[in-house]
Amino acid sequence: MSGADSYVVLRGTSSTNISTTVTPAGGTTGTSFTNTGLSNSTTYYYVVRAVGGGVTSANSTIAQIAPRSSTCSGSNAIVTENCFPGTSNWQVTAPDTPDSGGIEGFATATSINRGESVDLKVNSAAGASYRVEIYRSGSYNGNQGRLVSTIPNLTAVSQPNCESQSNTGLLDCANWSTSATLTTTSSWRTGVYLIRLVRSSGADYHVLLTVRDDSASSDVLYVVPDTTYQAYNNYGGKSLYSWNSSGANTLSGADRAVKVSFDRPYEQVRTEQHDWYTTSDLRMVSWLESQGYNVGYVTGTDLDRGPPRLSGPSRPLST
């Protein structure tokens, strides 16, 4: 709520009964809150109410977590992170198009610093029920992912047609409405996050997000090649390459685009072509973290915005 004076956080062990207030009397004025004393492997559900001018808002979207205990400790933050139990449930198994009962979407930023927020724009059949599962990718004893949180019980909308330019081949879906906002905290570990959109029917899809830690240094900086992914992304029929483009010719004299937008879903989730994170980069990320490297993460577009933070003792990479 715009102009909120404070926030009240409520918790429950059922999505239909969230009634225990866990913030102090009078609420909290911060935009993040840590709830302690939870039981491992128990699923908790949370909502937030904003208070402003004596008026309390309706409940926010429900967030769902299930704390898990760490199985070890490590020499750096990345090693410690991989001590948490992993899961292979991050994988997409039925990435169909919305016209065929599927779901798709994108994040409004390719990377954010931990503690920042990002909007998710999701497209599916109007009224369809879906959830958002957020996984951090890494080693995790070979599972390559850890479930961080779930946003359940969301209702999809059918988004409008994306805006296009016939001369450049550009397709831009920035005109889609925001479906959910993902807010991180300072406790989020830097890394590559796979946001899995899952319809109640089982159809699913990946949204990619890199979380940076701009306040930290690292032994190894991993640059997620988001510009390469987008160059090969032929969502809507056109990439920057003719081999996977179609339709009318553009200024290039061929059917390929000469300009592409980051504000659109990735077709690679459905085609599984090699120019994509889960088919080209995830194995390297998993190996680096399994070897104990203190890894930091940025994207290619971050390198254009300013020098990366890479300091401290460097170690040669070897197998």
C-alpha atoms as a PDB file:
ATOM      1  CA  MET A   1       0.000   0.000   0.000  1.00  0.00           C
ATOM      2  CA  SER A   2       1.432   3.360  -0.996  1.00  0.00           C
ATOM      3  CA  GLY A   3       2.361   5.474   2.020  1.00  0.00           C
ATOM      4  CA  ALA A   4       2.234   2.598   4.515  1.00  0.00           C
ATOM      5  CA  ASP A   5       3.364   3.444   8.048  1.00  0.00           C
ATOM      6  CA  SER A   6       4.001  -0.158   9.093  1.00  0.00           C
ATOM      7  CA  TYR A   7       3.459  -3.785   8.118  1.00  0.00           C
ATOM      8  CA  VAL A   8       1.927  -6.750   9.937  1.00  0.00           C
ATOM      9  CA  VAL A   9       3.070 -10.279   9.071  1.00  0.00           C
ATOM     10  CA  LEU A  10       0.791 -13.235   9.761  1.00  0.00           C
ATOM     11  CA  ARG A  11       1.707 -16.926   9.699  1.00  0.00           C
ATOM     12  CA  GLY A  12      -0.099 -20.242   9.547  1.00  0.00           C
ATOM     13  CA  THR A  13       0.524 -23.917   8.792  1.00  0.00           C
ATOM     14  CA  SER A  14      -2.352 -23.993   6.306  1.00  0.00           C
ATOM     15  CA  SER A  15      -2.992 -21.733   3.340  1.00  0.00           C
ATOM     16  CA  THR A  16      -6.600 -21.380   4.504  1.00  0.00           C
ATOM     17  CA  ASN A  17      -5.802 -20.414   8.102  1.00  0.00           C
ATOM     18  CA  ILE A  18      -3.102 -17.749   8.349  1.00  0.00           C
ATOM     19  CA  SER A  19      -3.930 -15.970  11.582  1.00  0.00           C
ATOM     20  CA  THR A  20      -0.893 -15.863  13.896  1.00  0.00           C
ATOM     21  CA  THR A  21       0.694 -12.412  14.074  1.00  0.00           C
ATOM     22  CA  VAL A  22       4.487 -12.771  14.188  1.00  0.00           C
ATOM     23  CA  THR A  23       5.525  -9.110  14.033  1.00  0.00           C
ATOM     24  CA  PRO A  24       5.804  -7.074  17.264  1.00  0.00           C
ATOM     25  CA  ALA A  25       2.854  -5.059  18.533  1.00  0.00           C
ATOM     26  CA  GLY A  26       2.399  -2.139  16.188  1.00  0.00           C
ATOM     27  CA  GLY A  27       3.967  -4.067  13.303  1.00  0.00           C
ATOM     28  CA  THR A  28       7.313  -3.449  11.645  1.00  0.00           C
ATOM     29  CA  THR A  29       8.365  -0.422   9.628  1.00  0.00           C
ATOM     30  CA  GLY A  30      10.955  -2.336   7.611  1.00  0.00           C
ATOM     31  CA  THR A  31      10.250  -3.973   4.264  1.00  0.00           C
ATOM     32  CA  SER A  32      11.785  -7.291   5.369  1.00  0.00           C
ATOM     33  CA  PHE A  33      11.144  -9.441   8.403  1.00  0.00           C
ATOM     34  CA  THR A  34      12.904 -12.509   9.836  1.00  0.00           C
ATOM     35  CA  ASN A  35      10.767 -15.085  11.611  1.00  0.00           C
ATOM     36  CA  THR A  36      12.771 -17.289  13.988  1.00  0.00           C
ATOM     37  CA  GLY A  37      11.968 -20.406  16.028  1.00  0.00           C
ATOM     38  CA  LEU A  38      10.521 -22.410  13.128  1.00  0.00           C
ATOM     39  CA  SER A  39      10.559 -26.203  12.886  1.00  0.00           C
ATOM     40  CA  ASN A  40      12.517 -27.827  10.081  1.00  0.00           C
ATOM     41  CA  SER A  41      10.531 -29.596   7.342  1.00  0.00           C
ATOM     42  CA  THR A  42       7.284 -27.893   8.441  1.00  0.00           C
ATOM     43  CA  THR A  43       5.518 -25.850   5.768  1.00  0.00           C
ATOM     44  CA  TYR A  44       4.552 -22.318   6.797  1.00  0.00           C
ATOM     45  CA  TYR A  45       2.346 -19.818   4.978  1.00  0.00           C
ATOM     46  CA  TYR A  46       2.670 -16.037   5.306  1.00  0.00           C
ATOM     47  CA  VAL A  47       0.729 -12.930   4.321  1.00  0.00           C
ATOM     48  CA  VAL A  48       1.486  -9.252   4.892  1.00  0.00           C
ATOM     49  CA  ARG A  49      -0.906  -6.424   5.701  1.00  0.00           C
ATOM     50  CA  ALA A  50       0.082  -2.788   5.226  1.00  0.00           C
ATOM     51  CA  VAL A  51      -1.093  -0.183   7.736  1.00  0.00           C
ATOM     52  CA  GLY A  52      -1.342   3.490   6.861  1.00  0.00           C
ATOM     53  CA  GLY A  53      -3.393   6.314   8.345  1.00  0.00           C
ATOM     54  CA  GLY A  54      -5.193   3.858  10.587  1.00  0.00           C
ATOM     55  CA  VAL A  55      -6.303   1.770   7.593  1.00  0.00           C
ATOM     56  CA  THR A  56      -5.196  -1.859   7.219  1.00  0.00           C
ATOM     57  CA  SER A  57      -4.940  -3.368   3.757  1.00  0.00           C
ATOM     58  CA  ALA A  58      -6.196  -6.744   2.636  1.00  0.00           C
ATOM     59  CA  ASN A  59      -3.839  -9.704   2.780  1.00  0.00           C
ATOM     60  CA  SER A  60      -0.976  -9.829   0.327  1.00  0.00           C
ATOM     61  CA  THR A  61      -0.277 -12.798  -1.928  1.00  0.00           C
ATOM     62  CA  ILE A  62       0.559 -15.878   0.159  1.00  0.00           C
ATOM     63  CA  ALA A  63       4.213 -16.911   0.463  1.00  0.00           C
ATOM     64  CA  GLN A  64       5.135 -20.462   1.407  1.00  0.00           C
ATOM     65  CA  ILE A  65       8.340 -21.820   2.954  1.00  0.00           C
ATOM     66  CA  ALA A  66       9.539 -25.068   4.521  1.00  0.00           C
ATOM     67  CA  PRO A  67      12.762 -24.588   6.541  1.00  0.00           C
ATOM     68  CA  ARG A  68      15.459 -27.233   6.130  1.00  0.00           C
ATOM     69  CA  SER A  69      18.494 -27.745   8.329  1.00  0.00           C
ATOM     70  CA  SER A  70      22.048 -27.487   6.999  1.00  0.00           C
ATOM     71  CA  THR A  71      24.018 -30.747   6.972  1.00  0.00           C
ATOM     72  CA  CYS A  72      27.491 -29.209   7.282  1.00  0.00           C
ATOM     73  CA  SER A  73      29.493 -25.984   7.427  1.00  0.00           C
ATOM     74  CA  GLY A  74      32.032 -24.606   4.994  1.00  0.00           C
ATOM     75  CA  SER A  75      35.071 -22.450   4.407  1.00  0.00           C
ATOM     76  CA  ASN A  76      33.076 -19.793   2.521  1.00  0.00           C
ATOM     77  CA  ALA A  77      29.477 -18.747   1.970  1.00  0.00           C
ATOM     78  CA  ILE A  78      29.034 -20.812  -1.203  1.00  0.00           C
ATOM     79  CA  VAL A  79      30.253 -24.013   0.463  1.00  0.00           C
ATOM     80  CA  THR A  80      27.921 -23.366   3.390  1.00  0.00           C
ATOM     81  CA  GLU A  81      25.034 -22.700   1.003  1.00  0.00           C
ATOM     82  CA  ASN A  82      25.537 -26.097  -0.638  1.00  0.00           C
ATOM     83  CA  CYS A  83      25.221 -27.795   2.752  1.00  0.00           C
ATOM     84  CA  PHE A  84      21.468 -27.308   2.538  1.00  0.00           C
ATOM     85  CA  PRO A  85      19.401 -30.178   1.099  1.00  0.00           C
ATOM     86  CA  GLY A  86      18.844 -29.960  -2.646  1.00  0.00           C
ATOM     87  CA  THR A  87      16.142 -31.159  -4.978  1.00  0.00           C
ATOM     88  CA  SER A  88      15.792 -31.957  -8.672  1.00  0.00           C
ATOM     89  CA  ASN A  89      12.256 -30.544  -8.759  1.00  0.00           C
ATOM     90  CA  TRP A  90      13.603 -27.357 -10.355  1.00  0.00           C
ATOM     91  CA  GLN A  91      13.450 -29.091 -13.728  1.00  0.00           C
ATOM     92  CA  VAL A  92      10.763 -28.161 -16.251  1.00  0.00           C
ATOM     93  CA  THR A  93       8.876 -31.176 -17.594  1.00  0.00           C
ATOM     94  CA  ALA A  94       5.898 -29.813 -19.585  1.00  0.00           C
ATOM     95  CA  PRO A  95       6.725 -26.399 -21.115  1.00  0.00           C
ATOM     96  CA  ASP A  96       3.782 -25.974 -23.469  1.00  0.00           C
ATOM     97  CA  THR A  97       2.474 -22.738 -24.991  1.00  0.00           C
ATOM     98  CA  PRO A  98      -0.468 -20.910 -23.384  1.00  0.00           C
ATOM     99  CA  ASP A  99      -2.609 -21.735 -26.428  1.00  0.00           C
ATOM    100  CA  SER A 100      -2.023 -25.426 -25.666  1.00  0.00           C
ATOM    101  CA  GLY A 101      -2.668 -25.234 -21.933  1.00  0.00           C
ATOM    102  CA  GLY A 102       0.802 -24.046 -20.958  1.00  0.00           C
ATOM    103  CA  ILE A 103       2.301 -21.074 -19.183  1.00  0.00           C
ATOM    104  CA  GLU A 104       5.158 -18.632 -19.812  1.00  0.00           C
ATOM    105  CA  GLY A 105       6.646 -15.450 -18.403  1.00  0.00           C
ATOM    106  CA  PHE A 106       9.692 -13.285 -17.769  1.00  0.00           C
ATOM    107  CA  ALA A 107      11.272 -11.112 -15.082  1.00  0.00           C
ATOM    108  CA  THR A 108      11.548  -7.361 -15.569  1.00  0.00           C
ATOM    109  CA  ALA A 109      15.293  -7.467 -14.800  1.00  0.00           C
ATOM    110  CA  THR A 110      17.962 -10.019 -15.678  1.00  0.00           C
ATOM    111  CA  SER A 111      19.762  -9.448 -12.374  1.00  0.00           C
ATOM    112  CA  ILE A 112      19.179  -7.695  -9.071  1.00  0.00           C
ATOM    113  CA  ASN A 113      21.295  -7.067  -6.003  1.00  0.00           C
ATOM    114  CA  ARG A 114      20.166  -9.116  -3.015  1.00  0.00           C
ATOM    115  CA  GLY A 115      17.603  -7.140  -1.059  1.00  0.00           C
ATOM    116  CA  GLU A 116      16.018  -5.727  -4.225  1.00  0.00           C
ATOM    117  CA  SER A 117      12.735  -6.649  -5.916  1.00  0.00           C
ATOM    118  CA  VAL A 118      11.768  -7.735  -9.408  1.00  0.00           C
ATOM    119  CA  ASP A 119       8.385  -8.067 -11.113  1.00  0.00           C
ATOM    120  CA  LEU A 120       7.225 -11.250 -12.823  1.00  0.00           C
ATOM    121  CA  LYS A 121       4.964 -11.043 -15.864  1.00  0.00           C
ATOM    122  CA  VAL A 122       3.129 -14.292 -16.544  1.00  0.00           C
ATOM    123  CA  ASN A 123       0.932 -15.322 -19.464  1.00  0.00           C
ATOM    124  CA  SER A 124      -1.521 -18.234 -19.438  1.00  0.00           C
ATOM    125  CA  ALA A 125      -5.228 -18.925 -19.876  1.00  0.00           C
ATOM    126  CA  ALA A 126      -7.285 -16.393 -17.937  1.00  0.00           C
ATOM    127  CA  GLY A 127      -8.359 -17.826 -14.592  1.00  0.00           C
ATOM    128  CA  ALA A 128      -5.850 -20.666 -14.585  1.00  0.00           C
ATOM    129  CA  SER A 129      -4.377 -21.475 -11.174  1.00  0.00           C
ATOM    130  CA  TYR A 130      -0.597 -21.572 -10.843  1.00  0.00           C
ATOM    131  CA  ARG A 131       2.239 -21.254  -8.350  1.00  0.00           C
ATOM    132  CA  VAL A 132       5.754 -19.816  -8.438  1.00  0.00           C
ATOM    133  CA  GLU A 133       8.606 -22.013  -7.158  1.00  0.00           C
ATOM    134  CA  ILE A 134      11.953 -20.277  -6.612  1.00  0.00           C
ATOM    135  CA  TYR A 135      15.110 -22.397  -6.805  1.00  0.00           C
ATOM    136  CA  ARG A 136      18.743 -21.398  -6.398  1.00  0.00           C
ATOM    137  CA  SER A 137      20.957 -23.433  -8.723  1.00  0.00           C
ATOM    138  CA  GLY A 138      24.256 -24.888  -7.534  1.00  0.00           C
ATOM    139  CA  SER A 139      25.689 -28.263  -6.604  1.00  0.00           C
ATOM    140  CA  TYR A 140      23.614 -29.459  -3.656  1.00  0.00           C
ATOM    141  CA  ASN A 141      25.105 -32.946  -3.731  1.00  0.00           C
ATOM    142  CA  GLY A 142      24.266 -33.411  -7.404  1.00  0.00           C
ATOM    143  CA  ASN A 143      20.656 -32.203  -7.262  1.00  0.00           C
ATOM    144  CA  GLN A 144      21.686 -28.839  -8.789  1.00  0.00           C
ATOM    145  CA  GLY A 145      18.962 -26.854  -7.068  1.00  0.00           C
ATOM    146  CA  ARG A 146      17.531 -25.782  -3.702  1.00  0.00           C
ATOM    147  CA  LEU A 147      13.943 -24.675  -3.169  1.00  0.00           C
ATOM    148  CA  VAL A 148      14.047 -21.232  -1.570  1.00  0.00           C
ATOM    149  CA  SER A 149      10.365 -20.321  -1.475  1.00  0.00           C
ATOM    150  CA  THR A 150       6.991 -20.851  -3.131  1.00  0.00           C
ATOM    151  CA  ILE A 151       4.245 -18.366  -3.974  1.00  0.00           C
ATOM    152  CA  PRO A 152       1.072 -20.479  -4.192  1.00  0.00           C
ATOM    153  CA  ASN A 153      -2.506 -19.907  -5.320  1.00  0.00           C
ATOM    154  CA  LEU A 154      -1.978 -17.348  -8.068  1.00  0.00           C
ATOM    155  CA  THR A 155      -4.514 -16.724 -10.821  1.00  0.00           C
ATOM    156  CA  ALA A 156      -3.288 -16.235 -14.368  1.00  0.00           C
ATOM    157  CA  VAL A 157      -4.330 -13.628 -16.892  1.00  0.00           C
ATOM    158  CA  SER A 158      -4.194 -13.827 -20.662  1.00  0.00           C
ATOM    159  CA  GLN A 159      -1.687 -11.115 -21.539  1.00  0.00           C
ATOM    160  CA  PRO A 160      -2.135  -8.872 -24.606  1.00  0.00           C
ATOM    161  CA  ASN A 161      -0.181  -9.308 -27.809  1.00  0.00           C
ATOM    162  CA  CYS A 162       3.380  -8.058 -27.506  1.00  0.00           C
ATOM    163  CA  GLU A 163       4.317  -4.887 -29.344  1.00  0.00           C
ATOM    164  CA  SER A 164       6.311  -5.419 -32.534  1.00  0.00           C
ATOM    165  CA  GLN A 165       8.334  -3.555 -35.162  1.00  0.00           C
ATOM    166  CA  SER A 166       8.220  -5.006 -38.655  1.00  0.00           C
ATOM    167  CA  ASN A 167      11.382  -3.259 -39.878  1.00  0.00           C
ATOM    168  CA  THR A 168      13.625  -4.452 -37.012  1.00  0.00           C
ATOM    169  CA  GLY A 169      11.801  -7.658 -36.085  1.00  0.00           C
ATOM    170  CA  LEU A 170      11.628  -6.477 -32.469  1.00  0.00           C
ATOM    171  CA  LEU A 171       9.026  -8.143 -30.238  1.00  0.00           C
ATOM    172  CA  ASP A 172       8.589  -6.440 -26.851  1.00  0.00           C
ATOM    173  CA  CYS A 173       6.213  -7.708 -24.139  1.00  0.00           C
ATOM    174  CA  ALA A 174       6.783  -4.856 -21.680  1.00  0.00           C
ATOM    175  CA  ASN A 175       3.087  -4.033 -22.119  1.00  0.00           C
ATOM    176  CA  TRP A 176       2.155  -7.155 -20.104  1.00  0.00           C
ATOM    177  CA  SER A 177       0.757  -6.529 -16.627  1.00  0.00           C
ATOM    178  CA  THR A 178       2.673  -7.533 -13.496  1.00  0.00           C
ATOM    179  CA  SER A 179       1.564 -10.885 -12.099  1.00  0.00           C
ATOM    180  CA  ALA A 180       3.678 -11.020  -8.927  1.00  0.00           C
ATOM    181  CA  THR A 181       6.571  -9.190  -7.301  1.00  0.00           C
ATOM    182  CA  LEU A 182       9.518 -11.156  -5.934  1.00  0.00           C
ATOM    183  CA  THR A 183      11.324  -9.374  -3.100  1.00  0.00           C
ATOM    184  CA  THR A 184      14.663 -10.707  -1.921  1.00  0.00           C
ATOM    185  CA  THR A 185      16.440  -9.981   1.371  1.00  0.00           C
ATOM    186  CA  SER A 186      20.072  -9.604   2.364  1.00  0.00           C
ATOM    187  CA  SER A 187      20.053 -13.274   3.375  1.00  0.00           C
ATOM    188  CA  TRP A 188      19.651 -14.437  -0.232  1.00  0.00           C
ATOM    189  CA  ARG A 189      22.875 -15.976  -1.496  1.00  0.00           C
ATOM    190  CA  THR A 190      24.297 -14.667  -4.758  1.00  0.00           C
ATOM    191  CA  GLY A 191      23.580 -17.113  -7.545  1.00  0.00           C
ATOM    192  CA  VAL A 192      21.455 -18.030 -10.537  1.00  0.00           C
ATOM    193  CA  TYR A 193      17.809 -18.576  -9.633  1.00  0.00           C
ATOM    194  CA  LEU A 194      15.402 -20.662 -11.678  1.00  0.00           C
ATOM    195  CA  ILE A 195      11.860 -19.427 -11.121  1.00  0.00           C
ATOM    196  CA  ARG A 196       9.531 -22.281 -12.055  1.00  0.00           C
ATOM    197  CA  LEU A 197       5.986 -21.335 -13.037  1.00  0.00           C
ATOM    198  CA  VAL A 198       3.699 -24.335 -12.478  1.00  0.00           C
ATOM    199  CA  ARG A 199       0.055 -24.529 -13.552  1.00  0.00           C
ATOM    200  CA  SER A 200      -2.307 -26.745 -11.558  1.00  0.00           C
ATOM    201  CA  SER A 201      -2.522 -28.919 -14.693  1.00  0.00           C
ATOM    202  CA  GLY A 202       1.229 -29.646 -14.461  1.00  0.00           C
ATOM    203  CA  ALA A 203       2.365 -27.391 -17.303  1.00  0.00           C
ATOM    204  CA  ASP A 204       5.499 -25.476 -16.291  1.00  0.00           C
ATOM    205  CA  TYR A 205       8.080 -22.953 -17.447  1.00  0.00           C
ATOM    206  CA  HIS A 206      11.363 -21.330 -16.346  1.00  0.00           C
ATOM    207  CA  VAL A 207      12.085 -17.654 -15.661  1.00  0.00           C
ATOM    208  CA  LEU A 208      15.771 -16.861 -15.149  1.00  0.00           C
ATOM    209  CA  LEU A 209      17.093 -14.388 -12.561  1.00  0.00           C
ATOM    210  CA  THR A 210      20.624 -13.682 -11.323  1.00  0.00           C
ATOM    211  CA  VAL A 211      21.000 -12.373  -7.768  1.00  0.00           C
ATOM    212  CA  ARG A 212      24.193 -10.391  -7.181  1.00  0.00           C
ATOM    213  CA  ASP A 213      25.953  -9.450  -3.959  1.00  0.00           C
ATOM    214  CA  ASP A 214      27.401  -6.037  -4.741  1.00  0.00           C
ATOM    215  CA  SER A 215      28.866  -5.681  -1.248  1.00  0.00           C
ATOM    216  CA  ALA A 216      31.055  -8.796  -1.429  1.00  0.00           C
ATOM    217  CA  SER A 217      34.192  -9.897  -3.246  1.00  0.00           C
ATOM    218  CA  SER A 218      34.784 -13.361  -4.651  1.00  0.00           C
ATOM    219  CA  ASP A 219      37.568 -15.638  -5.829  1.00  0.00           C
ATOM    220  CA  VAL A 220      35.700 -16.446  -9.054  1.00  0.00           C
ATOM    221  CA  LEU A 221      33.182 -14.284 -10.895  1.00  0.00           C
ATOM    222  CA  TYR A 222      30.722 -16.197 -13.065  1.00  0.00           C
ATOM    223  CA  VAL A 223      29.202 -14.119 -15.849  1.00  0.00           C
ATOM    224  CA  VAL A 224      25.791 -15.411 -16.901  1.00  0.00           C
ATOM    225  CA  PRO A 225      25.619 -14.799 -20.683  1.00  0.00           C
ATOM    226  CA  ASP A 226      22.155 -13.277 -20.779  1.00  0.00           C
ATOM    227  CA  THR A 227      22.897 -11.338 -23.967  1.00  0.00           C
ATOM    228  CA  THR A 228      23.763 -14.590 -25.739  1.00  0.00           C
ATOM    229  CA  TYR A 229      20.567 -16.245 -24.508  1.00  0.00           C
ATOM    230  CA  GLN A 230      18.522 -13.327 -25.789  1.00  0.00           C
ATOM    231  CA  ALA A 231      20.321 -13.198 -29.149  1.00  0.00           C
ATOM    232  CA  TYR A 232      19.309 -16.824 -29.810  1.00  0.00           C
ATOM    233  CA  ASN A 233      15.834 -16.452 -28.295  1.00  0.00           C
ATOM    234  CA  ASN A 234      13.302 -16.757 -31.113  1.00  0.00           C
ATOM    235  CA  TYR A 235      10.181 -16.183 -29.012  1.00  0.00           C
ATOM    236  CA  GLY A 236       7.557 -14.834 -31.395  1.00  0.00           C
ATOM    237  CA  GLY A 237       9.445 -16.170 -34.397  1.00  0.00           C
ATOM    238  CA  LYS A 238      12.612 -14.084 -34.597  1.00  0.00           C
ATOM    239  CA  SER A 239      16.084 -14.138 -33.052  1.00  0.00           C
ATOM    240  CA  LEU A 240      19.216 -12.356 -34.270  1.00  0.00           C
ATOM    241  CA  TYR A 241      19.968 -15.415 -36.438  1.00  0.00           C
ATOM    242  CA  SER A 242      18.262 -16.620 -39.588  1.00  0.00           C
ATOM    243  CA  TRP A 243      18.538 -20.332 -38.812  1.00  0.00           C
ATOM    244  CA  ASN A 244      15.798 -20.104 -36.167  1.00  0.00           C
ATOM    245  CA  SER A 245      13.889 -17.061 -37.438  1.00  0.00           C
ATOM    246  CA  SER A 246      10.834 -16.980 -39.689  1.00  0.00           C
ATOM    247  CA  GLY A 247       8.379 -14.544 -41.240  1.00  0.00           C
ATOM    248  CA  ALA A 248       8.888 -11.410 -43.284  1.00  0.00           C
ATOM    249  CA  ASN A 249      12.312  -9.938 -44.001  1.00  0.00           C
ATOM    250  CA  THR A 250      13.602  -7.091 -41.836  1.00  0.00           C
ATOM    251  CA  LEU A 251      16.211  -4.380 -42.400  1.00  0.00           C
ATOM    252  CA  SER A 252      18.762  -7.193 -42.438  1.00  0.00           C
ATOM    253  CA  GLY A 253      17.472  -8.346 -45.818  1.00  0.00           C
ATOM    254  CA  ALA A 254      16.597 -11.688 -44.247  1.00  0.00           C
ATOM    255  CA  ASP A 255      13.973 -12.948 -41.814  1.00  0.00           C
ATOM    256  CA  ARG A 256      16.178 -12.453 -38.736  1.00  0.00           C
ATOM    257  CA  ALA A 257      15.669  -9.550 -36.339  1.00  0.00           C
ATOM    258  CA  VAL A 258      18.199  -6.747 -35.987  1.00  0.00           C
ATOM    259  CA  LYS A 259      16.895  -5.798 -32.549  1.00  0.00           C
ATOM    260  CA  VAL A 260      15.579  -7.938 -29.678  1.00  0.00           C
ATOM    261  CA  SER A 261      14.076  -7.204 -26.265  1.00  0.00           C
ATOM    262  CA  PHE A 262      14.777  -8.682 -22.848  1.00  0.00           C
ATOM    263  CA  ASP A 263      11.100  -8.120 -22.018  1.00  0.00           C
ATOM    264  CA  ARG A 264       9.816 -11.410 -23.403  1.00  0.00           C
ATOM    265  CA  PRO A 265       9.836 -15.103 -22.419  1.00  0.00           C
ATOM    266  CA  TYR A 266      12.657 -17.406 -23.501  1.00  0.00           C
ATOM    267  CA  GLU A 267      11.652 -19.852 -26.226  1.00  0.00           C
ATOM    268  CA  GLN A 268      14.676 -21.998 -25.277  1.00  0.00           C
ATOM    269  CA  VAL A 269      12.698 -23.310 -22.298  1.00  0.00           C
ATOM    270  CA  ARG A 270      10.496 -25.133 -24.813  1.00  0.00           C
ATOM    271  CA  THR A 271      12.987 -25.902 -27.588  1.00  0.00           C
ATOM    272  CA  GLU A 272      15.828 -26.983 -25.231  1.00  0.00           C
ATOM    273  CA  GLN A 273      18.383 -25.614 -27.694  1.00  0.00           C
ATOM    274  CA  HIS A 274      21.936 -25.352 -26.376  1.00  0.00           C
ATOM    275  CA  ASP A 275      22.027 -21.555 -26.010  1.00  0.00           C
ATOM    276  CA  TRP A 276      20.335 -21.578 -22.624  1.00  0.00           C
ATOM    277  CA  TYR A 277      21.287 -21.738 -18.955  1.00  0.00           C
ATOM    278  CA  THR A 278      20.081 -25.242 -18.089  1.00  0.00           C
ATOM    279  CA  THR A 279      21.627 -26.783 -21.214  1.00  0.00           C
ATOM    280  CA  SER A 280      24.885 -24.791 -21.403  1.00  0.00           C
ATOM    281  CA  ASP A 281      25.843 -23.246 -18.054  1.00  0.00           C
ATOM    282  CA  LEU A 282      24.234 -25.110 -15.174  1.00  0.00           C
ATOM    283  CA  ARG A 283      26.762 -27.949 -15.239  1.00  0.00           C
ATOM    284  CA  MET A 284      29.660 -25.485 -14.901  1.00  0.00           C
ATOM    285  CA  VAL A 285      27.934 -23.626 -12.059  1.00  0.00           C
ATOM    286  CA  SER A 286      27.260 -26.933 -10.299  1.00  0.00           C
ATOM    287  CA  TRP A 287      30.889 -28.037 -10.706  1.00  0.00           C
ATOM    288  CA  LEU A 288      32.339 -24.730  -9.464  1.00  0.00           C
ATOM    289  CA  GLU A 289      30.230 -24.833  -6.333  1.00  0.00           C
ATOM    290  CA  SER A 290      30.948 -28.528  -5.728  1.00  0.00           C
ATOM    291  CA  GLN A 291      34.670 -27.752  -5.790  1.00  0.00           C
ATOM    292  CA  GLY A 292      34.367 -25.161  -3.033  1.00  0.00           C
ATOM    293  CA  TYR A 293      35.071 -22.017  -5.050  1.00  0.00           C
ATOM    294  CA  ASN A 294      33.827 -18.789  -3.538  1.00  0.00           C
ATOM    295  CA  VAL A 295      31.770 -17.790  -6.587  1.00  0.00           C
ATOM    296  CA  GLY A 296      30.094 -14.459  -7.291  1.00  0.00           C
ATOM    297  CA  TYR A 297      27.482 -14.034 -10.015  1.00  0.00           C
ATOM    298  CA  VAL A 298      26.687 -11.225 -12.458  1.00  0.00           C
ATOM    299  CA  THR A 299      25.235 -11.083 -15.973  1.00  0.00           C
ATOM    300  CA  GLY A 300      26.694  -9.849 -19.222  1.00  0.00           C
ATOM    301  CA  THR A 301      24.496  -6.762 -19.057  1.00  0.00           C
ATOM    302  CA  ASP A 302      25.924  -6.001 -15.591  1.00  0.00           C
ATOM    303  CA  LEU A 303      29.391  -5.742 -17.144  1.00  0.00           C
ATOM    304  CA  ASP A 304      28.094  -2.943 -19.376  1.00  0.00           C
ATOM    305  CA  ARG A 305      26.828  -0.992 -16.361  1.00  0.00           C
ATOM    306  CA  GLY A 306      30.077  -0.945 -14.371  1.00  0.00           C
ATOM    307  CA  PRO A 307      33.185  -2.888 -13.364  1.00  0.00           C
ATOM    308  CA  PRO A 308      32.470  -6.197 -11.614  1.00  0.00           C
ATOM    309  CA  ARG A 309      33.600  -6.770  -8.040  1.00  0.00           C
ATOM    310  CA  LEU A 310      36.335  -9.375  -8.345  1.00  0.00           C
ATOM    311  CA  SER A 311      39.023  -9.268  -5.682  1.00  0.00           C
ATOM    312  CA  GLY A 312      40.743 -11.465  -3.141  1.00  0.00           C
ATOM    313  CA  PRO A 313      43.085 -14.388  -3.697  1.00  0.00           C
ATOM    314  CA  SER A 314      42.501 -16.061  -7.050  1.00  0.00           C
ATOM    315  CA  ARG A 315      42.893 -19.780  -7.583  1.00  0.00           C
ATOM    316  CA  PRO A 316      43.441 -21.540 -10.914  1.00  0.00           C
ATOM    317  CA  LEU A 317      40.546 -23.622 -12.144  1.00  0.00           C
ATOM    318  CA  SER A 318      41.375 -27.258 -12.668  1.00  0.00           C
ATOM    319  CA  THR A 319      39.526 -30.540 -12.944  1.00  0.00           C
END
